[in-house]
Protein backbone atom coordinates (compact mmCIF):
# COMPACT_ATOMS: atom_id res chain seq x y z
CA MET A 1 186.49 66.64 -89.88
CA ARG A 2 185.09 63.77 -87.79
CA THR A 3 186.49 60.23 -87.71
CA ILE A 4 185.24 57.72 -85.15
CA GLU A 5 185.42 53.99 -84.50
CA ASP A 6 181.79 53.05 -85.07
CA PHE A 7 181.22 50.34 -87.67
CA LYS A 8 178.10 48.47 -88.77
CA ASN A 9 178.39 44.69 -88.90
CA ARG A 10 177.61 42.16 -91.62
CA ASP A 11 173.98 41.76 -90.51
CA TYR A 12 173.38 45.43 -91.28
CA TRP A 13 175.18 45.46 -94.63
CA ILE A 14 173.66 42.26 -95.98
CA ILE A 15 170.32 44.13 -95.96
CA GLU A 16 171.65 47.55 -96.95
CA ASN A 17 173.65 46.23 -99.92
CA ALA A 18 170.56 44.64 -101.46
CA GLN A 19 169.38 48.14 -102.44
CA TYR A 20 172.27 48.48 -104.90
CA GLU A 21 171.56 45.50 -107.15
CA LYS A 22 170.47 47.96 -109.85
CA PRO A 23 173.52 50.04 -110.86
CA SER A 24 173.29 53.63 -109.68
CA PHE A 25 174.26 56.70 -111.71
CA ARG A 26 177.52 56.84 -109.74
CA LEU A 27 178.38 53.24 -110.58
CA ARG A 28 177.56 53.69 -114.26
CA LYS A 29 179.78 56.76 -114.42
CA CYS A 30 182.58 54.90 -112.66
CA ALA A 31 182.31 52.11 -115.24
CA LYS A 32 182.47 54.64 -118.06
CA ILE A 33 185.68 56.11 -116.65
CA VAL A 34 187.29 52.67 -116.16
CA ASN A 35 186.27 51.48 -119.62
CA THR A 36 187.69 54.65 -121.20
CA ILE A 37 191.05 54.35 -119.42
CA ALA A 38 191.30 50.59 -120.00
CA ALA A 39 190.29 50.80 -123.68
CA ASP A 40 191.09 47.39 -125.23
CA ARG A 41 193.89 46.59 -122.80
CA LYS A 42 193.49 43.40 -120.77
CA CYS A 43 193.54 44.42 -117.11
CA THR A 44 192.30 43.55 -113.64
CA LEU A 45 190.06 45.52 -111.28
CA LEU A 46 189.30 45.17 -107.57
CA ASP A 47 186.02 46.67 -106.40
CA VAL A 48 186.50 47.47 -102.70
CA GLY A 49 183.16 47.59 -100.89
CA CYS A 50 181.55 45.96 -103.92
CA GLY A 51 178.11 45.27 -102.39
CA PRO A 52 176.23 42.97 -104.77
CA GLY A 53 178.95 43.34 -107.43
CA SER A 54 176.79 45.29 -109.88
CA LEU A 55 179.83 47.00 -111.41
CA LEU A 56 180.78 43.72 -113.10
CA ARG A 57 177.85 43.99 -115.53
CA LEU A 58 179.00 47.43 -116.72
CA LEU A 59 182.65 46.70 -117.51
CA ARG A 60 184.14 45.77 -120.86
CA PRO A 61 185.05 42.05 -121.27
CA ASN A 62 188.78 42.85 -121.18
CA VAL A 63 188.49 44.13 -117.58
CA GLU A 64 188.76 41.14 -115.23
CA TYR A 65 186.60 41.87 -112.19
CA TYR A 66 187.17 41.04 -108.50
CA GLY A 67 185.18 42.29 -105.53
CA ILE A 68 185.54 42.39 -101.76
CA ASP A 69 182.89 43.35 -99.21
CA ILE A 70 181.75 42.69 -95.67
CA ALA A 71 178.52 41.08 -96.98
CA ILE A 72 178.56 38.94 -100.13
CA HIS A 73 175.11 37.82 -101.26
CA HIS A 74 176.09 35.31 -103.93
CA PRO A 75 179.52 33.71 -103.39
CA ALA A 76 181.72 33.40 -106.47
CA PRO A 77 185.43 32.75 -107.15
CA TYR A 78 185.96 36.42 -108.02
CA LEU A 79 184.35 37.65 -104.77
CA ARG A 80 185.75 37.66 -101.24
CA GLU A 81 183.96 38.44 -97.99
CA ALA A 82 185.94 40.43 -95.42
CA ASP A 83 185.26 42.99 -92.71
CA LEU A 84 187.14 45.86 -94.34
CA ALA A 85 187.24 47.97 -91.18
CA HIS A 86 189.12 45.27 -89.28
CA GLN A 87 190.77 43.10 -91.94
CA PRO A 88 193.33 44.12 -94.57
CA ILE A 89 192.18 45.01 -98.06
CA ASP A 90 193.67 42.10 -99.96
CA PHE A 91 192.62 39.50 -102.51
CA GLU A 92 194.89 36.45 -102.37
CA GLY A 93 198.00 38.59 -102.75
CA LYS A 94 197.00 39.88 -106.20
CA ARG A 95 197.89 43.34 -107.50
CA PHE A 96 195.48 45.22 -109.73
CA ASP A 97 195.46 47.65 -112.64
CA PHE A 98 192.42 49.36 -111.14
CA VAL A 99 191.16 49.62 -107.59
CA VAL A 100 187.80 51.33 -107.17
CA ALA A 101 185.98 52.28 -103.96
CA MET A 102 182.51 53.68 -104.50
CA GLY A 103 180.73 54.99 -101.41
CA LEU A 104 183.16 53.30 -99.03
CA PHE A 105 185.43 55.83 -97.34
CA GLU A 106 182.54 57.63 -95.64
CA TYR A 107 182.26 54.49 -93.48
CA LEU A 108 185.92 53.78 -92.62
CA GLY A 109 186.26 56.12 -89.64
CA ALA A 110 189.72 56.32 -88.11
CA GLN A 111 190.83 53.46 -90.42
CA HIS A 112 190.88 55.94 -93.33
CA ASP A 113 194.66 56.39 -93.60
CA ALA A 114 195.48 52.71 -93.01
CA LYS A 115 193.10 51.68 -95.81
CA LEU A 116 194.72 54.08 -98.26
CA GLU A 117 198.08 52.47 -97.46
CA GLU A 118 196.63 48.99 -98.03
CA ILE A 119 195.21 50.02 -101.40
CA ARG A 120 198.56 51.47 -102.41
CA GLU A 121 200.18 48.09 -101.78
CA ILE A 122 197.80 46.19 -104.08
CA LEU A 123 197.76 48.78 -106.89
CA LYS A 124 200.13 47.99 -109.76
CA ASP A 125 202.87 50.50 -110.55
CA ASN A 126 200.92 52.11 -113.39
CA GLY A 127 197.52 51.42 -111.87
CA LYS A 128 194.66 53.80 -111.15
CA PHE A 129 192.79 54.16 -107.86
CA ILE A 130 189.32 55.64 -108.35
CA LEU A 131 187.08 56.51 -105.43
CA SER A 132 183.96 58.51 -104.74
CA TYR A 133 183.38 60.64 -101.68
CA ILE A 134 180.36 62.65 -100.50
CA ASN A 135 180.51 66.44 -100.77
CA PHE A 136 179.92 67.40 -97.16
CA GLY A 137 179.99 71.06 -98.23
CA HIS A 138 176.76 70.69 -100.22
CA MET A 139 174.30 73.54 -99.62
CA ARG A 140 171.71 71.02 -98.39
CA ARG A 141 174.16 68.52 -97.00
CA LEU A 142 172.77 65.40 -95.45
CA VAL A 143 175.05 63.78 -92.90
CA TRP A 144 173.73 60.23 -92.72
CA PRO A 145 173.95 58.89 -89.13
CA ASN A 146 176.02 55.93 -90.31
CA TYR A 147 178.79 58.10 -91.78
CA ASN A 148 181.78 57.94 -89.43
CA ASN A 149 184.41 59.57 -91.63
CA ILE A 150 183.39 63.14 -92.49
CA ARG A 151 185.86 65.35 -94.35
CA GLN A 152 185.62 68.33 -96.65
CA VAL A 153 186.72 67.81 -100.25
CA ALA A 154 189.95 69.80 -99.70
CA GLN A 155 190.77 67.58 -96.72
CA MET A 156 190.21 64.48 -98.82
CA VAL A 157 192.55 65.80 -101.51
CA GLN A 158 195.26 66.43 -98.89
CA SER A 159 194.77 62.99 -97.39
CA LEU A 160 194.97 61.24 -100.76
CA ASN A 161 198.03 63.22 -101.84
CA ARG A 162 199.95 61.95 -98.83
CA VAL A 163 199.72 58.41 -100.23
CA PHE A 164 198.93 58.81 -103.94
CA ARG A 165 199.11 61.45 -106.61
CA VAL A 166 195.65 62.88 -107.25
CA GLU A 167 195.59 63.28 -111.01
CA ARG A 168 192.21 64.99 -111.02
CA TYR A 169 188.98 65.22 -109.11
CA PHE A 170 185.56 66.36 -110.20
CA PRO A 171 181.88 66.01 -109.26
CA ALA A 172 180.22 62.72 -110.05
CA SER A 173 177.01 64.75 -110.44
CA HIS A 174 175.24 67.95 -109.45
CA HIS A 175 171.85 68.23 -107.79
CA TRP A 176 170.15 70.92 -105.75
CA ARG A 177 169.42 68.15 -103.24
CA GLN A 178 172.14 65.78 -102.08
CA LYS A 179 171.03 62.84 -104.18
CA GLN A 180 172.09 61.27 -107.44
CA PRO A 181 170.47 62.77 -110.54
CA GLY A 182 167.08 61.60 -111.68
CA LYS A 183 165.34 62.29 -114.98
CA ASN A 184 164.86 65.99 -114.14
CA CYS A 185 168.57 66.60 -113.50
CA LEU A 186 169.90 65.65 -116.96
CA PRO A 187 171.66 62.39 -116.10
CA GLY A 188 172.69 61.86 -119.73
CA LEU A 189 174.48 65.20 -119.83
CA GLN A 190 175.96 64.82 -116.36
CA MET A 191 177.47 61.49 -117.35
CA HIS A 192 179.89 63.46 -119.54
CA ILE A 193 180.69 66.41 -117.25
CA ASN A 194 184.05 65.59 -115.67
CA TYR A 195 185.20 68.96 -114.40
CA ARG A 196 184.58 71.32 -111.51
CA ILE A 197 182.26 74.25 -112.22
CA PRO A 198 183.23 77.38 -110.25
CA LEU A 199 180.88 78.06 -107.32
CA LEU A 200 178.24 75.59 -108.56
CA SER A 201 180.27 72.49 -107.78
CA SER A 202 181.17 73.52 -104.23
CA LEU A 203 177.48 74.07 -103.44
CA CYS A 204 175.70 71.46 -105.57
CA ALA A 205 178.11 68.60 -106.25
CA VAL A 206 176.55 65.51 -104.70
CA GLU A 207 179.87 63.72 -104.42
CA TYR A 208 183.28 63.74 -106.07
CA PHE A 209 185.34 61.27 -108.05
CA PHE A 210 189.09 61.17 -107.41
CA ILE A 211 191.43 59.54 -109.92
CA CYS A 212 194.75 58.68 -108.32
CA SER A 213 198.01 56.99 -109.23
CA HIS A 214 201.24 56.12 -107.44
CA ARG A 215 203.32 59.14 -106.52
CA ASN A 216 206.24 57.65 -108.45
CA GLU A 217 204.08 56.37 -111.30
CA LYS A 218 206.11 55.00 -114.19
CA THR A 219 205.26 56.24 -117.65
CA THR A 220 204.52 53.79 -120.42
CA ALA A 221 205.14 54.08 -124.12
């Protein structure tokens, strides 16, 4: 495990985020999970580290979208710009049915635990926290120089369970290289595989999804 205080500023992310205008496989799978859990229920969602806010286009109309990021390209009432490494994760005091964090926690360094606590405070009692995290145990792992929060999957599960209840976790996708699936890696099939495959997942999972709830989550009828 390696966690350090080394954060890129807005000038870096305003350029980097522009690459994610087109929704990635990971983002499309995240939207599928949210839409399935939400069904027809009217609910709210905060996208933490939202980048250009591409998730909005993938959600059902009954999911009210909000986003927060260090670099917002196109200001809107449902978006807020904040340096997440140094400012609290908050959106005008609102609480949310869903909080999602796609590709964020690899960049939060020693702020990791504090940010989990902040997310817990803004998640409604029966809400779901969904995040993705790189599989640093991949057989051809690529540790990007900008990653400042490197943990194994088991360490991430332990960390999350100290604040939330991890309901389940599973690979977002599998690939023999540490990249999201292209046309030769059966993206259509992988969109529906939401379980860990013995041996294969530990070696070839690109990243994992974690679906979490409050430790004292209330049940609903």
